[in-house]
Amino acid sequence: ERKYQLKQIYQGQIYQLWAQMLCLTEMGYEVESLAFYETSTNKSIPVQ
């Protein structure tokens, strides 16, 4: 999930990523890891 800037990661943002993962999985895709990508700093932030 790409975000311009993440000063803090809120539970709602994690829920957004989980919801996307649950949808993808139900659609037949395998998801083994999750991450936010902060475009302003070019950093990947792993999410459990």
ModelCIF file with pLDDT and N, C-alpha, C, O atoms, coordinates in Angstrom:
data_MODEL
#
_entry.id   MODEL 
#
_entity.id                         1 
_entity.type                       polymer 
_entity.pdbx_number_of_molecules   1 
#
_entity_poly.entity_id                      1 
_entity_poly.type                           'polypeptide(L)' 
_entity_poly.nstd_linkage                   no 
_entity_poly.nstd_monomer                   no 
_entity_poly.pdbx_seq_one_letter_code       ERKYQLKQIYQGQIYQLWAQMLCLTEMGYEVESLAFYETSTNKSIPVQ 
_entity_poly.pdbx_seq_one_letter_code_can   ERKYQLKQIYQGQIYQLWAQMLCLTEMGYEVESLAFYETSTNKSIPVQ 
_entity_poly.pdbx_strand_id                 A 
#
loop_
_entity_poly_seq.entity_id 
_entity_poly_seq.num 
_entity_poly_seq.mon_id 
_entity_poly_seq.hetero 
1 1  GLU n 
1 2  ARG n 
1 3  LYS n 
1 4  TYR n 
1 5  GLN n 
1 6  LEU n 
1 7  LYS n 
1 8  GLN n 
1 9  ILE n 
1 10 TYR n 
1 11 GLN n 
1 12 GLY n 
1 13 GLN n 
1 14 ILE n 
1 15 TYR n 
1 16 GLN n 
1 17 LEU n 
1 18 TRP n 
1 19 ALA n 
1 20 GLN n 
1 21 MET n 
1 22 LEU n 
1 23 CYS n 
1 24 LEU n 
1 25 THR n 
1 26 GLU n 
1 27 MET n 
1 28 GLY n 
1 29 TYR n 
1 30 GLU n 
1 31 VAL n 
1 32 GLU n 
1 33 SER n 
1 34 LEU n 
1 35 ALA n 
1 36 PHE n 
1 37 TYR n 
1 38 GLU n 
1 39 THR n 
1 40 SER n 
1 41 THR n 
1 42 ASN n 
1 43 LYS n 
1 44 SER n 
1 45 ILE n 
1 46 PRO n 
1 47 VAL n 
1 48 GLN n 
#
_struct_asym.id          A 
_struct_asym.entity_id   1 
#
loop_
_ma_qa_metric.id 
_ma_qa_metric.mode 
_ma_qa_metric.name 
_ma_qa_metric.software_group_id 
_ma_qa_metric.type 
1 global pLDDT . pLDDT 
2 local  pLDDT . pLDDT 
#
_ma_qa_metric_global.metric_id      1 
_ma_qa_metric_global.metric_value   94.88 
_ma_qa_metric_global.model_id       1 
_ma_qa_metric_global.ordinal_id     1 
#
loop_
_ma_qa_metric_local.label_asym_id 
_ma_qa_metric_local.label_comp_id 
_ma_qa_metric_local.label_seq_id 
_ma_qa_metric_local.metric_id 
_ma_qa_metric_local.metric_value 
_ma_qa_metric_local.model_id 
_ma_qa_metric_local.ordinal_id 
A GLU 1  2 95.00 1 1  
A ARG 2  2 91.00 1 2  
A LYS 3  2 89.00 1 3  
A TYR 4  2 85.00 1 4  
A GLN 5  2 86.00 1 5  
A LEU 6  2 89.00 1 6  
A LYS 7  2 87.00 1 7  
A GLN 8  2 90.00 1 8  
A ILE 9  2 94.00 1 9  
A TYR 10 2 91.00 1 10 
A GLN 11 2 95.00 1 11 
A GLY 12 2 94.00 1 12 
A GLN 13 2 95.00 1 13 
A ILE 14 2 97.00 1 14 
A TYR 15 2 97.00 1 15 
A GLN 16 2 96.00 1 16 
A LEU 17 2 97.00 1 17 
A TRP 18 2 98.00 1 18 
A ALA 19 2 98.00 1 19 
A GLN 20 2 98.00 1 20 
A MET 21 2 98.00 1 21 
A LEU 22 2 98.00 1 22 
A CYS 23 2 98.00 1 23 
A LEU 24 2 97.00 1 24 
A THR 25 2 97.00 1 25 
A GLU 26 2 97.00 1 26 
A MET 27 2 97.00 1 27 
A GLY 28 2 97.00 1 28 
A TYR 29 2 97.00 1 29 
A GLU 30 2 98.00 1 30 
A VAL 31 2 98.00 1 31 
A GLU 32 2 98.00 1 32 
A SER 33 2 98.00 1 33 
A LEU 34 2 98.00 1 34 
A ALA 35 2 98.00 1 35 
A PHE 36 2 97.00 1 36 
A TYR 37 2 94.00 1 37 
A GLU 38 2 93.00 1 38 
A THR 39 2 88.00 1 39 
A SER 40 2 88.00 1 40 
A THR 41 2 94.00 1 41 
A ASN 42 2 93.00 1 42 
A LYS 43 2 96.00 1 43 
A SER 44 2 96.00 1 44 
A ILE 45 2 97.00 1 45 
A PRO 46 2 98.00 1 46 
A VAL 47 2 97.00 1 47 
A GLN 48 2 97.00 1 48 
#
loop_
_atom_site.group_PDB 
_atom_site.id 
_atom_site.type_symbol 
_atom_site.label_atom_id 
_atom_site.label_alt_id 
_atom_site.label_comp_id 
_atom_site.label_asym_id 
_atom_site.label_entity_id 
_atom_site.label_seq_id 
_atom_site.pdbx_PDB_ins_code 
_atom_site.Cartn_x 
_atom_site.Cartn_y 
_atom_site.Cartn_z 
_atom_site.occupancy 
_atom_site.B_iso_or_equiv 
_atom_site.pdbx_formal_charge 
_atom_site.auth_seq_id 
_atom_site.auth_comp_id 
_atom_site.auth_asym_id 
_atom_site.auth_atom_id 
_atom_site.pdbx_PDB_model_num 
ATOM 1   N N  . GLU A 1 1  ? 0.870   -1.178  0.000  1.00 95.00 ? 1  GLU A N  1 
ATOM 2   C CA . GLU A 1 1  ? 0.000   0.000   0.000  1.00 95.00 ? 1  GLU A CA 1 
ATOM 3   C C  . GLU A 1 1  ? 0.904   1.224   0.000  1.00 95.00 ? 1  GLU A C  1 
ATOM 4   O O  . GLU A 1 1  ? 1.724   1.398   0.902  1.00 95.00 ? 1  GLU A O  1 
ATOM 5   N N  . ARG A 1 2  ? 0.756   2.063   -1.003 1.00 91.00 ? 2  ARG A N  1 
ATOM 6   C CA . ARG A 1 2  ? 1.606   3.257   -1.112 1.00 91.00 ? 2  ARG A CA 1 
ATOM 7   C C  . ARG A 1 2  ? 0.960   4.437   -0.398 1.00 91.00 ? 2  ARG A C  1 
ATOM 8   O O  . ARG A 1 2  ? -0.245  4.666   -0.506 1.00 91.00 ? 2  ARG A O  1 
ATOM 9   N N  . LYS A 1 3  ? 1.774   5.171   0.323  1.00 89.00 ? 3  LYS A N  1 
ATOM 10  C CA . LYS A 1 3  ? 1.360   6.400   0.999  1.00 89.00 ? 3  LYS A CA 1 
ATOM 11  C C  . LYS A 1 3  ? 2.415   7.457   0.705  1.00 89.00 ? 3  LYS A C  1 
ATOM 12  O O  . LYS A 1 3  ? 3.595   7.139   0.556  1.00 89.00 ? 3  LYS A O  1 
ATOM 13  N N  . TYR A 1 4  ? 1.995   8.696   0.623  1.00 85.00 ? 4  TYR A N  1 
ATOM 14  C CA . TYR A 1 4  ? 2.967   9.763   0.388  1.00 85.00 ? 4  TYR A CA 1 
ATOM 15  C C  . TYR A 1 4  ? 3.900   9.901   1.586  1.00 85.00 ? 4  TYR A C  1 
ATOM 16  O O  . TYR A 1 4  ? 5.120   9.934   1.433  1.00 85.00 ? 4  TYR A O  1 
ATOM 17  N N  . GLN A 1 5  ? 3.315   9.980   2.780  1.00 86.00 ? 5  GLN A N  1 
ATOM 18  C CA . GLN A 1 5  ? 4.107   10.177  3.986  1.00 86.00 ? 5  GLN A CA 1 
ATOM 19  C C  . GLN A 1 5  ? 3.432   9.453   5.149  1.00 86.00 ? 5  GLN A C  1 
ATOM 20  O O  . GLN A 1 5  ? 2.213   9.512   5.303  1.00 86.00 ? 5  GLN A O  1 
ATOM 21  N N  . LEU A 1 6  ? 4.229   8.776   5.958  1.00 89.00 ? 6  LEU A N  1 
ATOM 22  C CA . LEU A 1 6  ? 3.711   8.059   7.122  1.00 89.00 ? 6  LEU A CA 1 
ATOM 23  C C  . LEU A 1 6  ? 4.497   8.481   8.355  1.00 89.00 ? 6  LEU A C  1 
ATOM 24  O O  . LEU A 1 6  ? 5.519   7.878   8.683  1.00 89.00 ? 6  LEU A O  1 
ATOM 25  N N  . LYS A 1 7  ? 4.020   9.512   9.032  1.00 87.00 ? 7  LYS A N  1 
ATOM 26  C CA . LYS A 1 7  ? 4.659   9.919   10.281 1.00 87.00 ? 7  LYS A CA 1 
ATOM 27  C C  . LYS A 1 7  ? 4.327   8.922   11.376 1.00 87.00 ? 7  LYS A C  1 
ATOM 28  O O  . LYS A 1 7  ? 5.116   8.693   12.293 1.00 87.00 ? 7  LYS A O  1 
ATOM 29  N N  . GLN A 1 8  ? 3.137   8.332   11.263 1.00 90.00 ? 8  GLN A N  1 
ATOM 30  C CA . GLN A 1 8  ? 2.657   7.343   12.216 1.00 90.00 ? 8  GLN A CA 1 
ATOM 31  C C  . GLN A 1 8  ? 1.718   6.408   11.460 1.00 90.00 ? 8  GLN A C  1 
ATOM 32  O O  . GLN A 1 8  ? 0.953   6.848   10.602 1.00 90.00 ? 8  GLN A O  1 
ATOM 33  N N  . ILE A 1 9  ? 1.779   5.128   11.778 1.00 94.00 ? 9  ILE A N  1 
ATOM 34  C CA . ILE A 1 9  ? 0.864   4.179   11.152 1.00 94.00 ? 9  ILE A CA 1 
ATOM 35  C C  . ILE A 1 9  ? -0.276  3.917   12.126 1.00 94.00 ? 9  ILE A C  1 
ATOM 36  O O  . ILE A 1 9  ? -0.057  3.473   13.253 1.00 94.00 ? 9  ILE A O  1 
ATOM 37  N N  . TYR A 1 10 ? -1.490  4.197   11.679 1.00 91.00 ? 10 TYR A N  1 
ATOM 38  C CA . TYR A 1 10 ? -2.681  4.032   12.507 1.00 91.00 ? 10 TYR A CA 1 
ATOM 39  C C  . TYR A 1 10 ? -3.309  2.666   12.258 1.00 91.00 ? 10 TYR A C  1 
ATOM 40  O O  . TYR A 1 10 ? -3.089  2.049   11.215 1.00 91.00 ? 10 TYR A O  1 
ATOM 41  N N  . GLN A 1 11 ? -4.087  2.207   13.220 1.00 95.00 ? 11 GLN A N  1 
ATOM 42  C CA . GLN A 1 11 ? -4.744  0.912   13.104 1.00 95.00 ? 11 GLN A CA 1 
ATOM 43  C C  . GLN A 1 11 ? -5.632  0.844   11.864 1.00 95.00 ? 11 GLN A C  1 
ATOM 44  O O  . GLN A 1 11 ? -5.717  -0.201  11.220 1.00 95.00 ? 11 GLN A O  1 
ATOM 45  N N  . GLY A 1 12 ? -6.287  1.943   11.527 1.00 94.00 ? 12 GLY A N  1 
ATOM 46  C CA . GLY A 1 12 ? -7.134  1.972   10.340 1.00 94.00 ? 12 GLY A CA 1 
ATOM 47  C C  . GLY A 1 12 ? -6.352  1.706   9.059  1.00 94.00 ? 12 GLY A C  1 
ATOM 48  O O  . GLY A 1 12 ? -6.868  1.078   8.134  1.00 94.00 ? 12 GLY A O  1 
ATOM 49  N N  . GLN A 1 13 ? -5.114  2.180   9.000  1.00 95.00 ? 13 GLN A N  1 
ATOM 50  C CA . GLN A 1 13 ? -4.278  1.931   7.826  1.00 95.00 ? 13 GLN A CA 1 
ATOM 51  C C  . GLN A 1 13 ? -3.877  0.456   7.754  1.00 95.00 ? 13 GLN A C  1 
ATOM 52  O O  . GLN A 1 13 ? -3.807  -0.125  6.671  1.00 95.00 ? 13 GLN A O  1 
ATOM 53  N N  . ILE A 1 14 ? -3.617  -0.136  8.910  1.00 97.00 ? 14 ILE A N  1 
ATOM 54  C CA . ILE A 1 14 ? -3.305  -1.567  8.955  1.00 97.00 ? 14 ILE A CA 1 
ATOM 55  C C  . ILE A 1 14 ? -4.538  -2.368  8.543  1.00 97.00 ? 14 ILE A C  1 
ATOM 56  O O  . ILE A 1 14 ? -4.430  -3.330  7.783  1.00 97.00 ? 14 ILE A O  1 
ATOM 57  N N  . TYR A 1 15 ? -5.714  -1.970  9.045  1.00 97.00 ? 15 TYR A N  1 
ATOM 58  C CA . TYR A 1 15 ? -6.952  -2.633  8.646  1.00 97.00 ? 15 TYR A CA 1 
ATOM 59  C C  . TYR A 1 15 ? -7.158  -2.536  7.136  1.00 97.00 ? 15 TYR A C  1 
ATOM 60  O O  . TYR A 1 15 ? -7.623  -3.490  6.513  1.00 97.00 ? 15 TYR A O  1 
ATOM 61  N N  . GLN A 1 16 ? -6.821  -1.406  6.551  1.00 96.00 ? 16 GLN A N  1 
ATOM 62  C CA . GLN A 1 16 ? -6.937  -1.242  5.099  1.00 96.00 ? 16 GLN A CA 1 
ATOM 63  C C  . GLN A 1 16 ? -6.088  -2.292  4.390  1.00 96.00 ? 16 GLN A C  1 
ATOM 64  O O  . GLN A 1 16 ? -6.552  -2.938  3.450  1.00 96.00 ? 16 GLN A O  1 
ATOM 65  N N  . LEU A 1 17 ? -4.864  -2.460  4.831  1.00 97.00 ? 17 LEU A N  1 
ATOM 66  C CA . LEU A 1 17 ? -3.954  -3.432  4.223  1.00 97.00 ? 17 LEU A CA 1 
ATOM 67  C C  . LEU A 1 17 ? -4.450  -4.862  4.443  1.00 97.00 ? 17 LEU A C  1 
ATOM 68  O O  . LEU A 1 17 ? -4.399  -5.685  3.529  1.00 97.00 ? 17 LEU A O  1 
ATOM 69  N N  . TRP A 1 18 ? -4.932  -5.157  5.655  1.00 98.00 ? 18 TRP A N  1 
ATOM 70  C CA . TRP A 1 18 ? -5.479  -6.484  5.932  1.00 98.00 ? 18 TRP A CA 1 
ATOM 71  C C  . TRP A 1 18 ? -6.701  -6.756  5.054  1.00 98.00 ? 18 TRP A C  1 
ATOM 72  O O  . TRP A 1 18 ? -6.846  -7.854  4.517  1.00 98.00 ? 18 TRP A O  1 
ATOM 73  N N  . ALA A 1 19 ? -7.571  -5.773  4.907  1.00 98.00 ? 19 ALA A N  1 
ATOM 74  C CA . ALA A 1 19 ? -8.773  -5.945  4.083  1.00 98.00 ? 19 ALA A CA 1 
ATOM 75  C C  . ALA A 1 19 ? -8.376  -6.261  2.641  1.00 98.00 ? 19 ALA A C  1 
ATOM 76  O O  . ALA A 1 19 ? -8.961  -7.142  2.012  1.00 98.00 ? 19 ALA A O  1 
ATOM 77  N N  . GLN A 1 20 ? -7.396  -5.551  2.128  1.00 98.00 ? 20 GLN A N  1 
ATOM 78  C CA . GLN A 1 20 ? -6.923  -5.813  0.767  1.00 98.00 ? 20 GLN A CA 1 
ATOM 79  C C  . GLN A 1 20 ? -6.357  -7.225  0.666  1.00 98.00 ? 20 GLN A C  1 
ATOM 80  O O  . GLN A 1 20 ? -6.608  -7.927  -0.313 1.00 98.00 ? 20 GLN A O  1 
ATOM 81  N N  . MET A 1 21 ? -5.593  -7.642  1.678  1.00 98.00 ? 21 MET A N  1 
ATOM 82  C CA . MET A 1 21 ? -5.002  -8.972  1.705  1.00 98.00 ? 21 MET A CA 1 
ATOM 83  C C  . MET A 1 21 ? -6.097  -10.046 1.729  1.00 98.00 ? 21 MET A C  1 
ATOM 84  O O  . MET A 1 21 ? -6.009  -11.034 1.000  1.00 98.00 ? 21 MET A O  1 
ATOM 85  N N  . LEU A 1 22 ? -7.129  -9.856  2.563  1.00 98.00 ? 22 LEU A N  1 
ATOM 86  C CA . LEU A 1 22 ? -8.218  -10.814 2.656  1.00 98.00 ? 22 LEU A CA 1 
ATOM 87  C C  . LEU A 1 22 ? -8.967  -10.934 1.324  1.00 98.00 ? 22 LEU A C  1 
ATOM 88  O O  . LEU A 1 22 ? -9.345  -12.029 0.908  1.00 98.00 ? 22 LEU A O  1 
ATOM 89  N N  . CYS A 1 23 ? -9.171  -9.802  0.672  1.00 98.00 ? 23 CYS A N  1 
ATOM 90  C CA . CYS A 1 23 ? -9.816  -9.819  -0.643 1.00 98.00 ? 23 CYS A CA 1 
ATOM 91  C C  . CYS A 1 23 ? -8.954  -10.575 -1.655 1.00 98.00 ? 23 CYS A C  1 
ATOM 92  O O  . CYS A 1 23 ? -9.445  -11.450 -2.368 1.00 98.00 ? 23 CYS A O  1 
ATOM 93  N N  . LEU A 1 24 ? -7.681  -10.234 -1.713 1.00 97.00 ? 24 LEU A N  1 
ATOM 94  C CA . LEU A 1 24 ? -6.775  -10.896 -2.660 1.00 97.00 ? 24 LEU A CA 1 
ATOM 95  C C  . LEU A 1 24 ? -6.737  -12.396 -2.429 1.00 97.00 ? 24 LEU A C  1 
ATOM 96  O O  . LEU A 1 24 ? -6.800  -13.181 -3.375 1.00 97.00 ? 24 LEU A O  1 
ATOM 97  N N  . THR A 1 25 ? -6.633  -12.793 -1.155 1.00 97.00 ? 25 THR A N  1 
ATOM 98  C CA . THR A 1 25 ? -6.565  -14.208 -0.810 1.00 97.00 ? 25 THR A CA 1 
ATOM 99  C C  . THR A 1 25 ? -7.836  -14.929 -1.251 1.00 97.00 ? 25 THR A C  1 
ATOM 100 O O  . THR A 1 25 ? -7.775  -16.011 -1.835 1.00 97.00 ? 25 THR A O  1 
ATOM 101 N N  . GLU A 1 26 ? -8.967  -14.329 -0.971 1.00 97.00 ? 26 GLU A N  1 
ATOM 102 C CA . GLU A 1 26 ? -10.247 -14.932 -1.379 1.00 97.00 ? 26 GLU A CA 1 
ATOM 103 C C  . GLU A 1 26 ? -10.351 -15.023 -2.902 1.00 97.00 ? 26 GLU A C  1 
ATOM 104 O O  . GLU A 1 26 ? -11.032 -15.901 -3.430 1.00 97.00 ? 26 GLU A O  1 
ATOM 105 N N  . MET A 1 27 ? -9.685  -14.126 -3.594 1.00 97.00 ? 27 MET A N  1 
ATOM 106 C CA . MET A 1 27 ? -9.703  -14.133 -5.055 1.00 97.00 ? 27 MET A CA 1 
ATOM 107 C C  . MET A 1 27 ? -8.688  -15.122 -5.643 1.00 97.00 ? 27 MET A C  1 
ATOM 108 O O  . MET A 1 27 ? -8.590  -15.266 -6.862 1.00 97.00 ? 27 MET A O  1 
ATOM 109 N N  . GLY A 1 28 ? -7.930  -15.803 -4.765 1.00 97.00 ? 28 GLY A N  1 
ATOM 110 C CA . GLY A 1 28 ? -7.018  -16.845 -5.236 1.00 97.00 ? 28 GLY A CA 1 
ATOM 111 C C  . GLY A 1 28 ? -5.552  -16.475 -5.294 1.00 97.00 ? 28 GLY A C  1 
ATOM 112 O O  . GLY A 1 28 ? -4.736  -17.274 -5.754 1.00 97.00 ? 28 GLY A O  1 
ATOM 113 N N  . TYR A 1 29 ? -5.196  -15.288 -4.841 1.00 97.00 ? 29 TYR A N  1 
ATOM 114 C CA . TYR A 1 29 ? -3.797  -14.876 -4.812 1.00 97.00 ? 29 TYR A CA 1 
ATOM 115 C C  . TYR A 1 29 ? -3.165  -15.293 -3.484 1.00 97.00 ? 29 TYR A C  1 
ATOM 116 O O  . TYR A 1 29 ? -3.837  -15.312 -2.453 1.00 97.00 ? 29 TYR A O  1 
ATOM 117 N N  . GLU A 1 30 ? -1.892  -15.621 -3.512 1.00 98.00 ? 30 GLU A N  1 
ATOM 118 C CA . GLU A 1 30 ? -1.157  -15.925 -2.285 1.00 98.00 ? 30 GLU A CA 1 
ATOM 119 C C  . GLU A 1 30 ? -0.466  -14.654 -1.802 1.00 98.00 ? 30 GLU A C  1 
ATOM 120 O O  . GLU A 1 30 ? 0.265   -14.006 -2.551 1.00 98.00 ? 30 GLU A O  1 
ATOM 121 N N  . VAL A 1 31 ? -0.706  -14.313 -0.551 1.00 98.00 ? 31 VAL A N  1 
ATOM 122 C CA . VAL A 1 31 ? -0.056  -13.149 0.052  1.00 98.00 ? 31 VAL A CA 1 
ATOM 123 C C  . VAL A 1 31 ? 0.745   -13.641 1.249  1.00 98.00 ? 31 VAL A C  1 
ATOM 124 O O  . VAL A 1 31 ? 0.181   -14.160 2.212  1.00 98.00 ? 31 VAL A O  1 
ATOM 125 N N  . GLU A 1 32 ? 2.059   -13.476 1.184  1.00 98.00 ? 32 GLU A N  1 
ATOM 126 C CA . GLU A 1 32 ? 2.934   -13.922 2.267  1.00 98.00 ? 32 GLU A CA 1 
ATOM 127 C C  . GLU A 1 32 ? 3.473   -12.782 3.107  1.00 98.00 ? 32 GLU A C  1 
ATOM 128 O O  . GLU A 1 32 ? 3.913   -12.994 4.238  1.00 98.00 ? 32 GLU A O  1 
ATOM 129 N N  . SER A 1 33 ? 3.441   -11.562 2.557  1.00 98.00 ? 33 SER A N  1 
ATOM 130 C CA . SER A 1 33 ? 3.917   -10.424 3.339  1.00 98.00 ? 33 SER A CA 1 
ATOM 131 C C  . SER A 1 33 ? 3.208   -9.143  2.909  1.00 98.00 ? 33 SER A C  1 
ATOM 132 O O  . SER A 1 33 ? 2.673   -9.030  1.806  1.00 98.00 ? 33 SER A O  1 
ATOM 133 N N  . LEU A 1 34 ? 3.230   -8.191  3.827  1.00 98.00 ? 34 LEU A N  1 
ATOM 134 C CA . LEU A 1 34 ? 2.549   -6.908  3.659  1.00 98.00 ? 34 LEU A CA 1 
ATOM 135 C C  . LEU A 1 34 ? 3.535   -5.778  3.919  1.00 98.00 ? 34 LEU A C  1 
ATOM 136 O O  . LEU A 1 34 ? 4.474   -5.924  4.701  1.00 98.00 ? 34 LEU A O  1 
ATOM 137 N N  . ALA A 1 35 ? 3.309   -4.648  3.254  1.00 98.00 ? 35 ALA A N  1 
ATOM 138 C CA . ALA A 1 35 ? 4.173   -3.491  3.502  1.00 98.00 ? 35 ALA A CA 1 
ATOM 139 C C  . ALA A 1 35 ? 3.482   -2.210  3.067  1.00 98.00 ? 35 ALA A C  1 
ATOM 140 O O  . ALA A 1 35 ? 2.623   -2.201  2.186  1.00 98.00 ? 35 ALA A O  1 
ATOM 141 N N  . PHE A 1 36 ? 3.889   -1.131  3.717  1.00 97.00 ? 36 PHE A N  1 
ATOM 142 C CA . PHE A 1 36 ? 3.577   0.205   3.235  1.00 97.00 ? 36 PHE A CA 1 
ATOM 143 C C  . PHE A 1 36 ? 4.811   0.692   2.507  1.00 97.00 ? 36 PHE A C  1 
ATOM 144 O O  . PHE A 1 36 ? 5.934   0.338   2.867  1.00 97.00 ? 36 PHE A O  1 
ATOM 145 N N  . TYR A 1 37 ? 4.605   1.498   1.489  1.00 94.00 ? 37 TYR A N  1 
ATOM 146 C CA . TYR A 1 37 ? 5.713   2.124   0.783  1.00 94.00 ? 37 TYR A CA 1 
ATOM 147 C C  . TYR A 1 37 ? 5.504   3.624   0.874  1.00 94.00 ? 37 TYR A C  1 
ATOM 148 O O  . TYR A 1 37 ? 4.506   4.151   0.383  1.00 94.00 ? 37 TYR A O  1 
ATOM 149 N N  . GLU A 1 38 ? 6.449   4.311   1.504  1.00 93.00 ? 38 GLU A N  1 
ATOM 150 C CA . GLU A 1 38 ? 6.369   5.761   1.666  1.00 93.00 ? 38 GLU A CA 1 
ATOM 151 C C  . GLU A 1 38 ? 7.084   6.416   0.490  1.00 93.00 ? 38 GLU A C  1 
ATOM 152 O O  . GLU A 1 38 ? 8.310   6.378   0.392  1.00 93.00 ? 38 GLU A O  1 
ATOM 153 N N  . THR A 1 39 ? 6.297   7.019   -0.401 1.00 88.00 ? 39 THR A N  1 
ATOM 154 C CA . THR A 1 39 ? 6.876   7.569   -1.623 1.00 88.00 ? 39 THR A CA 1 
ATOM 155 C C  . THR A 1 39 ? 7.759   8.790   -1.375 1.00 88.00 ? 39 THR A C  1 
ATOM 156 O O  . THR A 1 39 ? 8.705   9.031   -2.125 1.00 88.00 ? 39 THR A O  1 
ATOM 157 N N  . SER A 1 40 ? 7.459   9.559   -0.334 1.00 88.00 ? 40 SER A N  1 
ATOM 158 C CA . SER A 1 40 ? 8.253   10.769  -0.078 1.00 88.00 ? 40 SER A CA 1 
ATOM 159 C C  . SER A 1 40 ? 9.682   10.450  0.360  1.00 88.00 ? 40 SER A C  1 
ATOM 160 O O  . SER A 1 40 ? 10.586  11.263  0.170  1.00 88.00 ? 40 SER A O  1 
ATOM 161 N N  . THR A 1 41 ? 9.886   9.281   0.939  1.00 94.00 ? 41 THR A N  1 
ATOM 162 C CA . THR A 1 41 ? 11.226  8.889   1.413  1.00 94.00 ? 41 THR A CA 1 
ATOM 163 C C  . THR A 1 41 ? 11.768  7.665   0.687  1.00 94.00 ? 41 THR A C  1 
ATOM 164 O O  . THR A 1 41 ? 12.907  7.261   0.920  1.00 94.00 ? 41 THR A O  1 
ATOM 165 N N  . ASN A 1 42 ? 10.965  7.073   -0.192 1.00 93.00 ? 42 ASN A N  1 
ATOM 166 C CA . ASN A 1 42 ? 11.362  5.875   -0.926 1.00 93.00 ? 42 ASN A CA 1 
ATOM 167 C C  . ASN A 1 42 ? 11.686  4.716   0.026  1.00 93.00 ? 42 ASN A C  1 
ATOM 168 O O  . ASN A 1 42 ? 12.639  3.968   -0.193 1.00 93.00 ? 42 ASN A O  1 
ATOM 169 N N  . LYS A 1 43 ? 10.868  4.580   1.097  1.00 96.00 ? 43 LYS A N  1 
ATOM 170 C CA . LYS A 1 43 ? 11.110  3.539   2.090  1.00 96.00 ? 43 LYS A CA 1 
ATOM 171 C C  . LYS A 1 43 ? 9.949   2.549   2.134  1.00 96.00 ? 43 LYS A C  1 
ATOM 172 O O  . LYS A 1 43 ? 8.782   2.921   2.017  1.00 96.00 ? 43 LYS A O  1 
ATOM 173 N N  . SER A 1 44 ? 10.304  1.285   2.305  1.00 96.00 ? 44 SER A N  1 
ATOM 174 C CA . SER A 1 44 ? 9.328   0.230   2.510  1.00 96.00 ? 44 SER A CA 1 
ATOM 175 C C  . SER A 1 44 ? 9.238   -0.061  4.004  1.00 96.00 ? 44 SER A C  1 
ATOM 176 O O  . SER A 1 44 ? 10.260  -0.188  4.678  1.00 96.00 ? 44 SER A O  1 
ATOM 177 N N  . ILE A 1 45 ? 8.024   -0.167  4.515  1.00 97.00 ? 45 ILE A N  1 
ATOM 178 C CA . ILE A 1 45 ? 7.787   -0.410  5.938  1.00 97.00 ? 45 ILE A CA 1 
ATOM 179 C C  . ILE A 1 45 ? 6.999   -1.711  6.066  1.00 97.00 ? 45 ILE A C  1 
ATOM 180 O O  . ILE A 1 45 ? 5.804   -1.743  5.768  1.00 97.00 ? 45 ILE A O  1 
ATOM 181 N N  . PRO A 1 46 ? 7.660   -2.786  6.507  1.00 98.00 ? 46 PRO A N  1 
ATOM 182 C CA . PRO A 1 46 ? 6.963   -4.070  6.625  1.00 98.00 ? 46 PRO A CA 1 
ATOM 183 C C  . PRO A 1 46 ? 5.855   -4.015  7.679  1.00 98.00 ? 46 PRO A C  1 
ATOM 184 O O  . PRO A 1 46 ? 5.960   -3.302  8.677  1.00 98.00 ? 46 PRO A O  1 
ATOM 185 N N  . VAL A 1 47 ? 4.802   -4.778  7.438  1.00 97.00 ? 47 VAL A N  1 
ATOM 186 C CA . VAL A 1 47 ? 3.672   -4.890  8.354  1.00 97.00 ? 47 VAL A CA 1 
ATOM 187 C C  . VAL A 1 47 ? 3.474   -6.377  8.633  1.00 97.00 ? 47 VAL A C  1 
ATOM 188 O O  . VAL A 1 47 ? 3.491   -7.196  7.714  1.00 97.00 ? 47 VAL A O  1 
ATOM 189 N N  . GLN A 1 48 ? 3.285   -6.720  9.910  1.00 97.00 ? 48 GLN A N  1 
ATOM 190 C CA . GLN A 1 48 ? 3.071   -8.113  10.281 1.00 97.00 ? 48 GLN A CA 1 
ATOM 191 C C  . GLN A 1 48 ? 1.779   -8.645  9.665  1.00 97.00 ? 48 GLN A C  1 
ATOM 192 O O  . GLN A 1 48 ? 1.431   -9.808  9.869  1.00 97.00 ? 48 GLN A O  1 
#
